[in-house]
Amino acid sequence: MWRVYIIKSKDHDWYYIGMSQNPFDRLKSHNSGKVRSTKYKKPYEILLIEEFDSLKKARTREKYYKTGFGKKVWMKKIKDNNGSGFPARSRPAGGPAGNP
């Protein structure tokens, strides 16, 4: 199972969108400074995780979230989840959970 994740720097107003089979292990890599593109703005927290049954579908969603309109979509998902204390988890439309 592939997952697209969005993390936010705890000290800066900066987000990172990535994909991994285990986003929590990947978060450890981001927070330990092993990822070049994120090491200067650590530490991070996970804001959103979406699951996909293939690498191709996950990559498509990751690329979409990096567009201007895609950013509006994931920002709304995060805003709607605000205050729950857990990362937003959803599946793409038509997925087993039926969530957009």
C-alpha atoms as a PDB file:
ATOM      1  CA  MET A   1       0.000   0.000   0.000  1.00  0.00           C
ATOM      2  CA  TRP A   2       1.395   3.402  -0.987  1.00  0.00           C
ATOM      3  CA  ARG A   3       0.600   6.572   0.915  1.00  0.00           C
ATOM      4  CA  VAL A   4       0.817  10.239   0.037  1.00  0.00           C
ATOM      5  CA  TYR A   5       1.615  12.339   3.085  1.00  0.00           C
ATOM      6  CA  ILE A   6       1.823  16.013   3.902  1.00  0.00           C
ATOM      7  CA  ILE A   7       4.038  17.233   6.701  1.00  0.00           C
ATOM      8  CA  LYS A   8       4.376  20.700   8.187  1.00  0.00           C
ATOM      9  CA  SER A   9       7.373  22.223   9.872  1.00  0.00           C
ATOM     10  CA  LYS A  10       6.662  22.927  13.540  1.00  0.00           C
ATOM     11  CA  ASP A  11       8.910  26.015  13.475  1.00  0.00           C
ATOM     12  CA  HIS A  12       8.196  27.440  10.006  1.00  0.00           C
ATOM     13  CA  ASP A  13       5.140  27.950   7.828  1.00  0.00           C
ATOM     14  CA  TRP A  14       6.381  25.313   5.349  1.00  0.00           C
ATOM     15  CA  TYR A  15       4.830  22.123   4.002  1.00  0.00           C
ATOM     16  CA  TYR A  16       6.241  19.083   2.238  1.00  0.00           C
ATOM     17  CA  ILE A  17       4.311  16.589   0.115  1.00  0.00           C
ATOM     18  CA  GLY A  18       5.734  13.131  -0.399  1.00  0.00           C
ATOM     19  CA  MET A  19       4.856   9.479  -0.790  1.00  0.00           C
ATOM     20  CA  SER A  20       6.004   6.373   0.995  1.00  0.00           C
ATOM     21  CA  GLN A  21       4.882   2.912   1.977  1.00  0.00           C
ATOM     22  CA  ASN A  22       5.450   3.893   5.608  1.00  0.00           C
ATOM     23  CA  PRO A  23       5.027   7.639   6.191  1.00  0.00           C
ATOM     24  CA  PHE A  24       5.802   7.373   9.912  1.00  0.00           C
ATOM     25  CA  ASP A  25       9.246   5.899   9.206  1.00  0.00           C
ATOM     26  CA  ARG A  26       9.692   8.541   6.523  1.00  0.00           C
ATOM     27  CA  LEU A  27       8.791  11.234   9.067  1.00  0.00           C
ATOM     28  CA  LYS A  28      11.662   9.985  11.233  1.00  0.00           C
ATOM     29  CA  SER A  29      13.990  10.470   8.249  1.00  0.00           C
ATOM     30  CA  HIS A  30      12.710  14.027   7.756  1.00  0.00           C
ATOM     31  CA  ASN A  31      13.087  14.858  11.450  1.00  0.00           C
ATOM     32  CA  SER A  32      16.593  13.382  11.703  1.00  0.00           C
ATOM     33  CA  GLY A  33      17.845  15.562   8.823  1.00  0.00           C
ATOM     34  CA  LYS A  34      18.420  12.698   6.369  1.00  0.00           C
ATOM     35  CA  VAL A  35      16.267  14.287   3.638  1.00  0.00           C
ATOM     36  CA  ARG A  36      18.086  17.127   1.906  1.00  0.00           C
ATOM     37  CA  SER A  37      14.968  19.089   0.941  1.00  0.00           C
ATOM     38  CA  THR A  38      13.589  19.172   4.496  1.00  0.00           C
ATOM     39  CA  LYS A  39      16.569  19.097   6.841  1.00  0.00           C
ATOM     40  CA  TYR A  40      16.752  22.872   7.395  1.00  0.00           C
ATOM     41  CA  LYS A  41      13.165  23.302   8.547  1.00  0.00           C
ATOM     42  CA  LYS A  42      12.795  20.402  10.973  1.00  0.00           C
ATOM     43  CA  PRO A  43      11.026  19.220  13.111  1.00  0.00           C
ATOM     44  CA  TYR A  44       7.874  18.122  11.278  1.00  0.00           C
ATOM     45  CA  GLU A  45       4.469  16.716  12.033  1.00  0.00           C
ATOM     46  CA  ILE A  46       2.200  14.721   9.739  1.00  0.00           C
ATOM     47  CA  LEU A  47      -0.975  16.553   8.719  1.00  0.00           C
ATOM     48  CA  LEU A  48      -2.469  14.282   6.050  1.00  0.00           C
ATOM     49  CA  ILE A  49      -2.124  10.683   4.881  1.00  0.00           C
ATOM     50  CA  GLU A  50      -3.944   9.140   1.909  1.00  0.00           C
ATOM     51  CA  GLU A  51      -3.681   5.477   0.932  1.00  0.00           C
ATOM     52  CA  PHE A  52      -3.455   4.084  -2.611  1.00  0.00           C
ATOM     53  CA  ASP A  53      -3.266   0.563  -3.934  1.00  0.00           C
ATOM     54  CA  SER A  54      -0.565   1.365  -6.502  1.00  0.00           C
ATOM     55  CA  LEU A  55       2.543   3.471  -6.870  1.00  0.00           C
ATOM     56  CA  LYS A  56       1.136   5.048 -10.033  1.00  0.00           C
ATOM     57  CA  LYS A  57      -2.029   6.295  -8.278  1.00  0.00           C
ATOM     58  CA  ALA A  58      -0.024   7.646  -5.353  1.00  0.00           C
ATOM     59  CA  ARG A  59       2.395   9.450  -7.678  1.00  0.00           C
ATOM     60  CA  THR A  60      -0.509  10.987  -9.595  1.00  0.00           C
ATOM     61  CA  ARG A  61      -2.023  12.329  -6.351  1.00  0.00           C
ATOM     62  CA  GLU A  62       1.332  13.600  -5.113  1.00  0.00           C
ATOM     63  CA  LYS A  63       1.887  15.529  -8.344  1.00  0.00           C
ATOM     64  CA  TYR A  64      -1.677  16.913  -8.198  1.00  0.00           C
ATOM     65  CA  TYR A  65      -1.211  18.139  -4.619  1.00  0.00           C
ATOM     66  CA  LYS A  66       1.861  20.053  -5.762  1.00  0.00           C
ATOM     67  CA  THR A  67      -0.255  22.142  -8.185  1.00  0.00           C
ATOM     68  CA  GLY A  68      -2.015  25.370  -7.218  1.00  0.00           C
ATOM     69  CA  PHE A  69      -5.500  23.849  -7.287  1.00  0.00           C
ATOM     70  CA  GLY A  70      -4.309  20.671  -5.565  1.00  0.00           C
ATOM     71  CA  LYS A  71      -2.917  22.782  -2.727  1.00  0.00           C
ATOM     72  CA  LYS A  72      -6.360  24.292  -2.179  1.00  0.00           C
ATOM     73  CA  VAL A  73      -7.829  20.792  -1.932  1.00  0.00           C
ATOM     74  CA  TRP A  74      -5.384  19.459   0.640  1.00  0.00           C
ATOM     75  CA  MET A  75      -5.433  22.700   2.637  1.00  0.00           C
ATOM     76  CA  LYS A  76      -9.222  22.345   2.929  1.00  0.00           C
ATOM     77  CA  LYS A  77      -8.871  18.720   4.080  1.00  0.00           C
ATOM     78  CA  ILE A  78      -6.400  19.787   6.747  1.00  0.00           C
ATOM     79  CA  LYS A  79      -8.571  22.715   7.827  1.00  0.00           C
ATOM     80  CA  ASP A  80     -11.638  20.467   8.083  1.00  0.00           C
ATOM     81  CA  ASN A  81      -9.650  18.052  10.272  1.00  0.00           C
ATOM     82  CA  ASN A  82      -8.139  20.785  12.468  1.00  0.00           C
ATOM     83  CA  GLY A  83      -8.379  20.145  16.162  1.00  0.00           C
ATOM     84  CA  SER A  84      -8.825  16.374  16.066  1.00  0.00           C
ATOM     85  CA  GLY A  85      -5.265  15.726  17.222  1.00  0.00           C
ATOM     86  CA  PHE A  86      -4.714  13.107  14.523  1.00  0.00           C
ATOM     87  CA  PRO A  87      -3.502  13.364  10.926  1.00  0.00           C
ATOM     88  CA  ALA A  88      -6.303  13.514   8.397  1.00  0.00           C
ATOM     89  CA  ARG A  89      -6.695  10.123   6.747  1.00  0.00           C
ATOM     90  CA  SER A  90      -8.684   9.639   3.613  1.00  0.00           C
ATOM     91  CA  ARG A  91      -8.868   7.553   0.490  1.00  0.00           C
ATOM     92  CA  PRO A  92      -9.408   8.811  -3.041  1.00  0.00           C
ATOM     93  CA  ALA A  93     -12.969   8.950  -4.411  1.00  0.00           C
ATOM     94  CA  GLY A  94     -14.205   5.479  -5.219  1.00  0.00           C
ATOM     95  CA  GLY A  95     -11.821   3.928  -2.718  1.00  0.00           C
ATOM     96  CA  PRO A  96     -12.925   1.402  -0.105  1.00  0.00           C
ATOM     97  CA  ALA A  97     -13.742   4.117   2.427  1.00  0.00           C
ATOM     98  CA  GLY A  98     -15.723   6.146  -0.113  1.00  0.00           C
ATOM     99  CA  ASN A  99     -14.206   9.435   1.043  1.00  0.00           C
ATOM    100  CA  PRO A 100     -13.074  12.105  -1.403  1.00  0.00           C
END
